[in-house]
Amino acid sequence: KTLVEARANAYKATELVQFDNKYMRHDIGKAIDEA
């Protein structure tokens, strides 16, 4: 897998976790997508 694929899969997996006031940062690893 590439780093881009790994990052996408990691964020997709977070959809399985639910709790009140859940907050996810989407900027982590963003530079990988832009490289």
PDB file of N, CA and C in Angstrom:
ATOM      1  N   LYS A   1       0.832  -1.198   0.000  1.00  0.00           N
ATOM      2  CA  LYS A   1       0.000   0.000   0.000  1.00  0.00           C
ATOM      3  C   LYS A   1       0.868   1.248   0.000  1.00  0.00           C
ATOM      4  N   THR A   2       0.303   2.279  -0.530  1.00  0.00           N
ATOM      5  CA  THR A   2       0.983   3.565  -0.480  1.00  0.00           C
ATOM      6  C   THR A   2       0.566   4.294   0.788  1.00  0.00           C
ATOM      7  N   LEU A   3       1.288   5.340   1.117  1.00  0.00           N
ATOM      8  CA  LEU A   3       0.927   6.145   2.287  1.00  0.00           C
ATOM      9  C   LEU A   3      -0.425   6.811   2.098  1.00  0.00           C
ATOM     10  N   VAL A   4      -0.727   7.196   0.874  1.00  0.00           N
ATOM     11  CA  VAL A   4      -2.023   7.824   0.598  1.00  0.00           C
ATOM     12  C   VAL A   4      -3.148   6.830   0.876  1.00  0.00           C
ATOM     13  N   GLU A   5      -2.975   5.586   0.434  1.00  0.00           N
ATOM     14  CA  GLU A   5      -3.985   4.557   0.679  1.00  0.00           C
ATOM     15  C   GLU A   5      -4.117   4.254   2.169  1.00  0.00           C
ATOM     16  N   ALA A   6      -2.990   4.186   2.841  1.00  0.00           N
ATOM     17  CA  ALA A   6      -2.997   3.893   4.275  1.00  0.00           C
ATOM     18  C   ALA A   6      -3.728   4.987   5.042  1.00  0.00           C
ATOM     19  N   ARG A   7      -3.480   6.231   4.678  1.00  0.00           N
ATOM     20  CA  ARG A   7      -4.160   7.352   5.350  1.00  0.00           C
ATOM     21  C   ARG A   7      -5.661   7.291   5.099  1.00  0.00           C
ATOM     22  N   ALA A   8      -6.054   7.021   3.868  1.00  0.00           N
ATOM     23  CA  ALA A   8      -7.475   6.926   3.537  1.00  0.00           C
ATOM     24  C   ALA A   8      -8.140   5.799   4.320  1.00  0.00           C
ATOM     25  N   ASN A   9      -7.474   4.671   4.417  1.00  0.00           N
ATOM     26  CA  ASN A   9      -8.027   3.538   5.164  1.00  0.00           C
ATOM     27  C   ASN A   9      -8.133   3.846   6.651  1.00  0.00           C
ATOM     28  N   ALA A  10      -7.173   4.565   7.184  1.00  0.00           N
ATOM     29  CA  ALA A  10      -7.198   4.912   8.605  1.00  0.00           C
ATOM     30  C   ALA A  10      -8.388   5.823   8.916  1.00  0.00           C
ATOM     31  N   TYR A  11      -8.622   6.813   8.074  1.00  0.00           N
ATOM     32  CA  TYR A  11      -9.758   7.703   8.307  1.00  0.00           C
ATOM     33  C   TYR A  11     -11.081   6.975   8.118  1.00  0.00           C
ATOM     34  N   LYS A  12     -11.125   6.044   7.161  1.00  0.00           N
ATOM     35  CA  LYS A  12     -12.342   5.259   6.957  1.00  0.00           C
ATOM     36  C   LYS A  12     -12.640   4.407   8.193  1.00  0.00           C
ATOM     37  N   ALA A  13     -11.604   3.854   8.791  1.00  0.00           N
ATOM     38  CA  ALA A  13     -11.781   3.015   9.982  1.00  0.00           C
ATOM     39  C   ALA A  13     -12.326   3.818  11.156  1.00  0.00           C
ATOM     40  N   THR A  14     -12.042   5.106  11.199  1.00  0.00           N
ATOM     41  CA  THR A  14     -12.538   5.918  12.317  1.00  0.00           C
ATOM     42  C   THR A  14     -14.053   6.047  12.293  1.00  0.00           C
ATOM     43  N   GLU A  15     -14.674   5.771  11.151  1.00  0.00           N
ATOM     44  CA  GLU A  15     -16.132   5.828  11.071  1.00  0.00           C
ATOM     45  C   GLU A  15     -16.778   4.737  11.924  1.00  0.00           C
ATOM     46  N   LEU A  16     -16.022   3.702  12.258  1.00  0.00           N
ATOM     47  CA  LEU A  16     -16.536   2.607  13.079  1.00  0.00           C
ATOM     48  C   LEU A  16     -16.585   2.966  14.561  1.00  0.00           C
ATOM     49  N   VAL A  17     -15.913   4.051  14.937  1.00  0.00           N
ATOM     50  CA  VAL A  17     -15.845   4.468  16.333  1.00  0.00           C
ATOM     51  C   VAL A  17     -16.820   5.624  16.544  1.00  0.00           C
ATOM     52  N   GLN A  18     -17.719   5.469  17.489  1.00  0.00           N
ATOM     53  CA  GLN A  18     -18.711   6.501  17.764  1.00  0.00           C
ATOM     54  C   GLN A  18     -18.724   6.834  19.251  1.00  0.00           C
ATOM     55  N   PHE A  19     -18.710   8.120  19.563  1.00  0.00           N
ATOM     56  CA  PHE A  19     -18.886   8.579  20.933  1.00  0.00           C
ATOM     57  C   PHE A  19     -19.238  10.057  20.908  1.00  0.00           C
ATOM     58  N   ASP A  20     -19.803  10.551  21.991  1.00  0.00           N
ATOM     59  CA  ASP A  20     -20.208  11.953  22.076  1.00  0.00           C
ATOM     60  C   ASP A  20     -19.006  12.871  21.910  1.00  0.00           C
ATOM     61  N   ASN A  21     -19.221  13.977  21.228  1.00  0.00           N
ATOM     62  CA  ASN A  21     -18.203  15.010  21.018  1.00  0.00           C
ATOM     63  C   ASN A  21     -16.981  14.501  20.259  1.00  0.00           C
ATOM     64  N   LYS A  22     -17.184  13.532  19.401  1.00  0.00           N
ATOM     65  CA  LYS A  22     -16.084  13.000  18.586  1.00  0.00           C
ATOM     66  C   LYS A  22     -15.562  14.112  17.672  1.00  0.00           C
ATOM     67  N   TYR A  23     -14.265  14.230  17.621  1.00  0.00           N
ATOM     68  CA  TYR A  23     -13.624  15.225  16.769  1.00  0.00           C
ATOM     69  C   TYR A  23     -12.424  14.579  16.104  1.00  0.00           C
ATOM     70  N   MET A  24     -12.325  14.728  14.796  1.00  0.00           N
ATOM     71  CA  MET A  24     -11.197  14.159  14.061  1.00  0.00           C
ATOM     72  C   MET A  24     -10.474  15.264  13.315  1.00  0.00           C
ATOM     73  N   ARG A  25      -9.186  15.219  13.403  1.00  0.00           N
ATOM     74  CA  ARG A  25      -8.370  16.141  12.615  1.00  0.00           C
ATOM     75  C   ARG A  25      -8.149  15.521  11.242  1.00  0.00           C
ATOM     76  N   HIS A  26      -8.339  16.318  10.219  1.00  0.00           N
ATOM     77  CA  HIS A  26      -8.145  15.820   8.857  1.00  0.00           C
ATOM     78  C   HIS A  26      -6.876  16.379   8.225  1.00  0.00           C
ATOM     79  N   ASP A  27      -6.136  17.168   8.985  1.00  0.00           N
ATOM     80  CA  ASP A  27      -4.916  17.753   8.442  1.00  0.00           C
ATOM     81  C   ASP A  27      -3.695  16.855   8.658  1.00  0.00           C
ATOM     82  N   ILE A  28      -3.831  15.836   9.512  1.00  0.00           N
ATOM     83  CA  ILE A  28      -2.691  14.974   9.806  1.00  0.00           C
ATOM     84  C   ILE A  28      -2.365  14.133   8.576  1.00  0.00           C
ATOM     85  N   GLY A  29      -1.155  14.258   8.095  1.00  0.00           N
ATOM     86  CA  GLY A  29      -0.720  13.512   6.918  1.00  0.00           C
ATOM     87  C   GLY A  29      -1.195  14.105   5.607  1.00  0.00           C
ATOM     88  N   LYS A  30      -1.840  15.251   5.642  1.00  0.00           N
ATOM     89  CA  LYS A  30      -2.376  15.853   4.421  1.00  0.00           C
ATOM     90  C   LYS A  30      -1.280  16.165   3.406  1.00  0.00           C
ATOM     91  N   ALA A  31      -0.106  16.503   3.886  1.00  0.00           N
ATOM     92  CA  ALA A  31       1.001  16.815   2.983  1.00  0.00           C
ATOM     93  C   ALA A  31       1.350  15.622   2.101  1.00  0.00           C
ATOM     94  N   ILE A  32       1.085  14.415   2.591  1.00  0.00           N
ATOM     95  CA  ILE A  32       1.346  13.214   1.789  1.00  0.00           C
ATOM     96  C   ILE A  32       0.466  13.217   0.548  1.00  0.00           C
ATOM     97  N   ASP A  33      -0.804  13.581   0.706  1.00  0.00           N
ATOM     98  CA  ASP A  33      -1.723  13.617  -0.430  1.00  0.00           C
ATOM     99  C   ASP A  33      -1.328  14.685  -1.443  1.00  0.00           C
ATOM    100  N   GLU A  34      -0.716  15.747  -0.975  1.00  0.00           N
ATOM    101  CA  GLU A  34      -0.376  16.868  -1.845  1.00  0.00           C
ATOM    102  C   GLU A  34       0.989  16.717  -2.494  1.00  0.00           C
ATOM    103  N   ALA A  35       1.757  15.722  -2.096  1.00  0.00           N
ATOM    104  CA  ALA A  35       3.114  15.526  -2.632  1.00  0.00           C
ATOM    105  C   ALA A  35       3.072  14.843  -3.979  1.00  0.00           C
TER     106      ALA A  35
END
